[in-house]
């Protein structure tokens, strides 16, 4: 495939960028909030799993220690 000259390339880029549907400010804020909320829930979940495993291992090691 032949490479377009720089002028054609810029025209093609502009054409493709014009097709992009940009999110609204509200959509960006909503999505950002959801990402932060899910990150917090994931952190809490893994903290609880870590606590459970640590407590369980400590209990098992105290039985044999």
PDB file of N, CA and C in Angstrom:
ATOM      1  N   UNK A   1       0.848  -1.182   0.000  1.00  0.00           N
ATOM      2  CA  UNK A   1       0.000   0.000   0.000  1.00  0.00           C
ATOM      3  C   UNK A   1       0.886   1.235   0.000  1.00  0.00           C
ATOM      4  N   UNK A   2       0.616   2.140  -0.889  1.00  0.00           N
ATOM      5  CA  UNK A   2       1.409   3.362  -1.012  1.00  0.00           C
ATOM      6  C   UNK A   2       1.095   4.316   0.134  1.00  0.00           C
ATOM      7  N   UNK A   3       2.115   4.982   0.591  1.00  0.00           N
ATOM      8  CA  UNK A   3       1.919   5.969   1.653  1.00  0.00           C
ATOM      9  C   UNK A   3       1.373   7.257   1.055  1.00  0.00           C
ATOM     10  N   UNK A   4       0.359   7.841   1.706  1.00  0.00           N
ATOM     11  CA  UNK A   4      -0.176   9.118   1.182  1.00  0.00           C
ATOM     12  C   UNK A   4       0.809  10.246   1.469  1.00  0.00           C
ATOM     13  N   UNK A   5       0.721  11.284   0.700  1.00  0.00           N
ATOM     14  CA  UNK A   5       1.591  12.435   0.987  1.00  0.00           C
ATOM     15  C   UNK A   5       1.083  13.119   2.258  1.00  0.00           C
ATOM     16  N   UNK A   6       1.895  13.977   2.859  1.00  0.00           N
ATOM     17  CA  UNK A   6       1.504  14.591   4.139  1.00  0.00           C
ATOM     18  C   UNK A   6       0.159  15.320   4.099  1.00  0.00           C
ATOM     19  N   UNK A   7      -0.134  15.981   3.002  1.00  0.00           N
ATOM     20  CA  UNK A   7      -1.407  16.700   2.902  1.00  0.00           C
ATOM     21  C   UNK A   7      -2.580  15.720   2.948  1.00  0.00           C
ATOM     22  N   UNK A   8      -2.493  14.621   2.212  1.00  0.00           N
ATOM     23  CA  UNK A   8      -3.552  13.601   2.224  1.00  0.00           C
ATOM     24  C   UNK A   8      -3.681  12.981   3.617  1.00  0.00           C
ATOM     25  N   UNK A   9      -2.527  12.746   4.243  1.00  0.00           N
ATOM     26  CA  UNK A   9      -2.543  12.155   5.583  1.00  0.00           C
ATOM     27  C   UNK A   9      -3.304  13.046   6.562  1.00  0.00           C
ATOM     28  N   UNK A  10      -3.026  14.339   6.530  1.00  0.00           N
ATOM     29  CA  UNK A  10      -3.709  15.279   7.432  1.00  0.00           C
ATOM     30  C   UNK A  10      -5.205  15.309   7.139  1.00  0.00           C
ATOM     31  N   UNK A  11      -5.573  15.267   5.874  1.00  0.00           N
ATOM     32  CA  UNK A  11      -6.993  15.228   5.516  1.00  0.00           C
ATOM     33  C   UNK A  11      -7.655  13.965   6.065  1.00  0.00           C
ATOM     34  N   UNK A  12      -6.975  12.831   5.954  1.00  0.00           N
ATOM     35  CA  UNK A  12      -7.529  11.573   6.454  1.00  0.00           C
ATOM     36  C   UNK A  12      -7.665  11.591   7.978  1.00  0.00           C
ATOM     37  N   UNK A  13      -6.674  12.150   8.634  1.00  0.00           N
ATOM     38  CA  UNK A  13      -6.733  12.247  10.103  1.00  0.00           C
ATOM     39  C   UNK A  13      -7.906  13.117  10.520  1.00  0.00           C
ATOM     40  N   UNK A  14      -8.066  14.271   9.875  1.00  0.00           N
ATOM     41  CA  UNK A  14      -9.191  15.156  10.204  1.00  0.00           C
ATOM     42  C   UNK A  14     -10.525  14.463   9.961  1.00  0.00           C
ATOM     43  N   UNK A  15     -10.594  13.700   8.873  1.00  0.00           N
ATOM     44  CA  UNK A  15     -11.821  12.975   8.551  1.00  0.00           C
ATOM     45  C   UNK A  15     -12.151  11.952   9.638  1.00  0.00           C
ATOM     46  N   UNK A  16     -11.129  11.241  10.101  1.00  0.00           N
ATOM     47  CA  UNK A  16     -11.355  10.224  11.136  1.00  0.00           C
ATOM     48  C   UNK A  16     -11.696  10.860  12.483  1.00  0.00           C
ATOM     49  N   UNK A  17     -11.028  11.949  12.825  1.00  0.00           N
ATOM     50  CA  UNK A  17     -11.305  12.632  14.103  1.00  0.00           C
ATOM     51  C   UNK A  17     -12.724  13.187  14.107  1.00  0.00           C
ATOM     52  N   UNK A  18     -13.217  13.591  12.965  1.00  0.00           N
ATOM     53  CA  UNK A  18     -14.586  14.125  12.883  1.00  0.00           C
ATOM     54  C   UNK A  18     -15.620  13.042  13.183  1.00  0.00           C
ATOM     55  N   UNK A  19     -15.260  11.775  13.002  1.00  0.00           N
ATOM     56  CA  UNK A  19     -16.183  10.667  13.254  1.00  0.00           C
ATOM     57  C   UNK A  19     -16.262  10.298  14.740  1.00  0.00           C
ATOM     58  N   UNK A  20     -15.305  10.771  15.526  1.00  0.00           N
ATOM     59  CA  UNK A  20     -15.256  10.418  16.940  1.00  0.00           C
ATOM     60  C   UNK A  20     -16.428  11.058  17.673  1.00  0.00           C
ATOM     61  N   UNK A  21     -17.091  10.275  18.526  1.00  0.00           N
ATOM     62  CA  UNK A  21     -18.164  10.802  19.370  1.00  0.00           C
ATOM     63  C   UNK A  21     -17.561  10.997  20.759  1.00  0.00           C
ATOM     64  N   UNK A  22     -17.314  12.258  21.126  1.00  0.00           N
ATOM     65  CA  UNK A  22     -16.681  12.553  22.399  1.00  0.00           C
ATOM     66  C   UNK A  22     -17.718  12.495  23.524  1.00  0.00           C
ATOM     67  N   UNK A  23     -17.338  11.973  24.692  1.00  0.00           N
ATOM     68  CA  UNK A  23     -18.288  11.917  25.807  1.00  0.00           C
ATOM     69  C   UNK A  23     -18.571  13.313  26.357  1.00  0.00           C
ATOM     70  N   UNK A  24     -19.755  13.426  26.953  1.00  0.00           N
ATOM     71  CA  UNK A  24     -20.104  14.704  27.579  1.00  0.00           C
ATOM     72  C   UNK A  24     -19.390  14.808  28.927  1.00  0.00           C
ATOM     73  N   UNK A  25     -19.384  15.992  29.482  1.00  0.00           N
ATOM     74  CA  UNK A  25     -18.741  16.203  30.785  1.00  0.00           C
ATOM     75  C   UNK A  25     -19.394  15.314  31.851  1.00  0.00           C
ATOM     76  N   UNK A  26     -20.718  15.210  31.787  1.00  0.00           N
ATOM     77  CA  UNK A  26     -21.439  14.394  32.765  1.00  0.00           C
ATOM     78  C   UNK A  26     -21.035  12.918  32.639  1.00  0.00           C
ATOM     79  N   UNK A  27     -20.910  12.429  31.409  1.00  0.00           N
ATOM     80  CA  UNK A  27     -20.505  11.041  31.205  1.00  0.00           C
ATOM     81  C   UNK A  27     -19.097  10.783  31.756  1.00  0.00           C
ATOM     82  N   UNK A  28     -18.206  11.736  31.536  1.00  0.00           N
ATOM     83  CA  UNK A  28     -16.832  11.590  32.042  1.00  0.00           C
ATOM     84  C   UNK A  28     -16.832  11.562  33.565  1.00  0.00           C
ATOM     85  N   UNK A  29     -17.575  12.473  34.186  1.00  0.00           N
ATOM     86  CA  UNK A  29     -17.614  12.518  35.648  1.00  0.00           C
ATOM     87  C   UNK A  29     -18.256  11.258  36.227  1.00  0.00           C
ATOM     88  N   UNK A  30     -19.324  10.778  35.599  1.00  0.00           N
ATOM     89  CA  UNK A  30     -19.987   9.564  36.066  1.00  0.00           C
ATOM     90  C   UNK A  30     -19.059   8.368  35.955  1.00  0.00           C
ATOM     91  N   UNK A  31     -18.403   8.232  34.833  1.00  0.00           N
ATOM     92  CA  UNK A  31     -17.486   7.107  34.634  1.00  0.00           C
ATOM     93  C   UNK A  31     -16.314   7.177  35.605  1.00  0.00           C
ATOM     94  N   UNK A  32     -15.789   8.378  35.812  1.00  0.00           N
ATOM     95  CA  UNK A  32     -14.682   8.546  36.754  1.00  0.00           C
ATOM     96  C   UNK A  32     -15.110   8.156  38.163  1.00  0.00           C
ATOM     97  N   UNK A  33     -16.298   8.580  38.561  1.00  0.00           N
ATOM     98  CA  UNK A  33     -16.812   8.212  39.880  1.00  0.00           C
ATOM     99  C   UNK A  33     -16.977   6.712  40.029  1.00  0.00           C
ATOM    100  N   UNK A  34     -17.462   6.064  38.977  1.00  0.00           N
ATOM    101  CA  UNK A  34     -17.626   4.616  39.030  1.00  0.00           C
ATOM    102  C   UNK A  34     -16.278   3.911  39.147  1.00  0.00           C
ATOM    103  N   UNK A  35     -15.280   4.404  38.442  1.00  0.00           N
ATOM    104  CA  UNK A  35     -13.941   3.805  38.517  1.00  0.00           C
ATOM    105  C   UNK A  35     -13.388   3.933  39.936  1.00  0.00           C
ATOM    106  N   UNK A  36     -13.513   5.114  40.532  1.00  0.00           N
ATOM    107  CA  UNK A  36     -13.023   5.304  41.903  1.00  0.00           C
ATOM    108  C   UNK A  36     -13.784   4.421  42.890  1.00  0.00           C
ATOM    109  N   UNK A  37     -15.105   4.313  42.734  1.00  0.00           N
ATOM    110  CA  UNK A  37     -15.903   3.489  43.640  1.00  0.00           C
ATOM    111  C   UNK A  37     -15.513   2.016  43.517  1.00  0.00           C
ATOM    112  N   UNK A  38     -15.367   1.534  42.299  1.00  0.00           N
ATOM    113  CA  UNK A  38     -14.985   0.132  42.114  1.00  0.00           C
ATOM    114  C   UNK A  38     -13.565  -0.133  42.602  1.00  0.00           C
ATOM    115  N   UNK A  39     -12.669   0.823  42.432  1.00  0.00           N
ATOM    116  CA  UNK A  39     -11.304   0.666  42.947  1.00  0.00           C
ATOM    117  C   UNK A  39     -11.328   0.584  44.472  1.00  0.00           C
ATOM    118  N   UNK A  40     -12.158   1.402  45.115  1.00  0.00           N
ATOM    119  CA  UNK A  40     -12.268   1.366  46.579  1.00  0.00           C
ATOM    120  C   UNK A  40     -12.865   0.043  47.044  1.00  0.00           C
ATOM    121  N   UNK A  41     -13.921  -0.421  46.357  1.00  0.00           N
ATOM    122  CA  UNK A  41     -14.522  -1.707  46.726  1.00  0.00           C
ATOM    123  C   UNK A  41     -13.541  -2.869  46.543  1.00  0.00           C
ATOM    124  N   UNK A  42     -12.773  -2.817  45.472  1.00  0.00           N
ATOM    125  CA  UNK A  42     -11.777  -3.858  45.235  1.00  0.00           C
ATOM    126  C   UNK A  42     -10.707  -3.837  46.321  1.00  0.00           C
ATOM    127  N   UNK A  43     -10.265  -2.647  46.714  1.00  0.00           N
ATOM    128  CA  UNK A  43      -9.261  -2.523  47.773  1.00  0.00           C
ATOM    129  C   UNK A  43      -9.800  -3.072  49.093  1.00  0.00           C
ATOM    130  N   UNK A  44     -11.040  -2.762  49.411  1.00  0.00           N
ATOM    131  CA  UNK A  44     -11.648  -3.279  50.647  1.00  0.00           C
ATOM    132  C   UNK A  44     -11.760  -4.798  50.582  1.00  0.00           C
ATOM    133  N   UNK A  45     -12.212  -5.327  49.452  1.00  0.00           N
ATOM    134  CA  UNK A  45     -12.358  -6.770  49.295  1.00  0.00           C
ATOM    135  C   UNK A  45     -11.030  -7.488  49.513  1.00  0.00           C
ATOM    136  N   UNK A  46      -9.973  -7.018  48.831  1.00  0.00           N
ATOM    137  CA  UNK A  46      -8.684  -7.693  48.965  1.00  0.00           C
ATOM    138  C   UNK A  46      -8.076  -7.495  50.350  1.00  0.00           C
ATOM    139  N   UNK A  47      -8.373  -6.377  51.006  1.00  0.00           N
ATOM    140  CA  UNK A  47      -7.917  -6.194  52.383  1.00  0.00           C
ATOM    141  C   UNK A  47      -8.583  -7.216  53.300  1.00  0.00           C
ATOM    142  N   UNK A  48      -9.877  -7.439  53.098  1.00  0.00           N
ATOM    143  CA  UNK A  48     -10.586  -8.428  53.919  1.00  0.00           C
ATOM    144  C   UNK A  48     -10.092  -9.847  53.638  1.00  0.00           C
ATOM    145  N   UNK A  49      -9.837 -10.165  52.362  1.00  0.00           N
ATOM    146  CA  UNK A  49      -9.296 -11.479  52.020  1.00  0.00           C
ATOM    147  C   UNK A  49      -7.922 -11.659  52.661  1.00  0.00           C
ATOM    148  N   UNK A  50      -7.080 -10.621  52.586  1.00  0.00           N
ATOM    149  CA  UNK A  50      -5.757 -10.678  53.197  1.00  0.00           C
ATOM    150  C   UNK A  50      -5.861 -10.886  54.704  1.00  0.00           C
ATOM    151  N   UNK A  51      -6.766 -10.167  55.340  1.00  0.00           N
ATOM    152  CA  UNK A  51      -6.968 -10.310  56.783  1.00  0.00           C
ATOM    153  C   UNK A  51      -7.416 -11.729  57.132  1.00  0.00           C
ATOM    154  N   UNK A  52      -8.338 -12.292  56.343  1.00  0.00           N
ATOM    155  CA  UNK A  52      -8.826 -13.650  56.602  1.00  0.00           C
ATOM    156  C   UNK A  52      -7.714 -14.673  56.433  1.00  0.00           C
ATOM    157  N   UNK A  53      -6.931 -14.543  55.386  1.00  0.00           N
ATOM    158  CA  UNK A  53      -5.835 -15.496  55.166  1.00  0.00           C
ATOM    159  C   UNK A  53      -4.790 -15.361  56.271  1.00  0.00           C
ATOM    160  N   UNK A  54      -4.443 -14.122  56.634  1.00  0.00           N
ATOM    161  CA  UNK A  54      -3.450 -13.894  57.681  1.00  0.00           C
ATOM    162  C   UNK A  54      -3.927 -14.476  59.012  1.00  0.00           C
ATOM    163  N   UNK A  55      -5.207 -14.248  59.344  1.00  0.00           N
ATOM    164  CA  UNK A  55      -5.764 -14.772  60.593  1.00  0.00           C
ATOM    165  C   UNK A  55      -5.787 -16.296  60.576  1.00  0.00           C
ATOM    166  N   UNK A  56      -6.196 -16.871  59.447  1.00  0.00           N
ATOM    167  CA  UNK A  56      -6.226 -18.326  59.334  1.00  0.00           C
ATOM    168  C   UNK A  56      -4.846 -18.943  59.445  1.00  0.00           C
ATOM    169  N   UNK A  57      -3.874 -18.378  58.778  1.00  0.00           N
ATOM    170  CA  UNK A  57      -2.509 -18.914  58.855  1.00  0.00           C
ATOM    171  C   UNK A  57      -1.929 -18.751  60.253  1.00  0.00           C
ATOM    172  N   UNK A  58      -2.197 -17.616  60.892  1.00  0.00           N
ATOM    173  CA  UNK A  58      -1.709 -17.425  62.260  1.00  0.00           C
ATOM    174  C   UNK A  58      -2.317 -18.479  63.187  1.00  0.00           C
ATOM    175  N   UNK A  59      -3.597 -18.760  63.008  1.00  0.00           N
ATOM    176  CA  UNK A  59      -4.252 -19.777  63.825  1.00  0.00           C
ATOM    177  C   UNK A  59      -3.649 -21.156  63.608  1.00  0.00           C
ATOM    178  N   UNK A  60      -3.412 -21.510  62.366  1.00  0.00           N
ATOM    179  CA  UNK A  60      -2.824 -22.824  62.053  1.00  0.00           C
ATOM    180  C   UNK A  60      -1.397 -22.906  62.587  1.00  0.00           C
ATOM    181  N   UNK A  61      -0.607 -21.849  62.412  1.00  0.00           N
ATOM    182  CA  UNK A  61       0.770 -21.869  62.885  1.00  0.00           C
ATOM    183  C   UNK A  61       0.844 -21.894  64.421  1.00  0.00           C
ATOM    184  N   UNK A  62      -0.122 -21.275  65.104  1.00  0.00           N
ATOM    185  CA  UNK A  62      -0.141 -21.307  66.567  1.00  0.00           C
ATOM    186  C   UNK A  62      -0.495 -22.701  67.075  1.00  0.00           C
ATOM    187  N   UNK A  63      -1.260 -23.480  66.316  1.00  0.00           N
ATOM    188  CA  UNK A  63      -1.592 -24.857  66.714  1.00  0.00           C
ATOM    189  C   UNK A  63      -0.336 -25.731  66.715  1.00  0.00           C
ATOM    190  N   UNK A  64       0.543 -25.505  65.749  1.00  0.00           N
ATOM    191  CA  UNK A  64       1.721 -26.345  65.608  1.00  0.00           C
ATOM    192  C   UNK A  64       2.974 -25.688  66.181  1.00  0.00           C
ATOM    193  N   UNK A  65       2.841 -24.505  66.721  1.00  0.00           N
ATOM    194  CA  UNK A  65       4.027 -23.777  67.186  1.00  0.00           C
ATOM    195  C   UNK A  65       4.194 -23.741  68.625  1.00  0.00           C
TER     196      UNK A  65
END
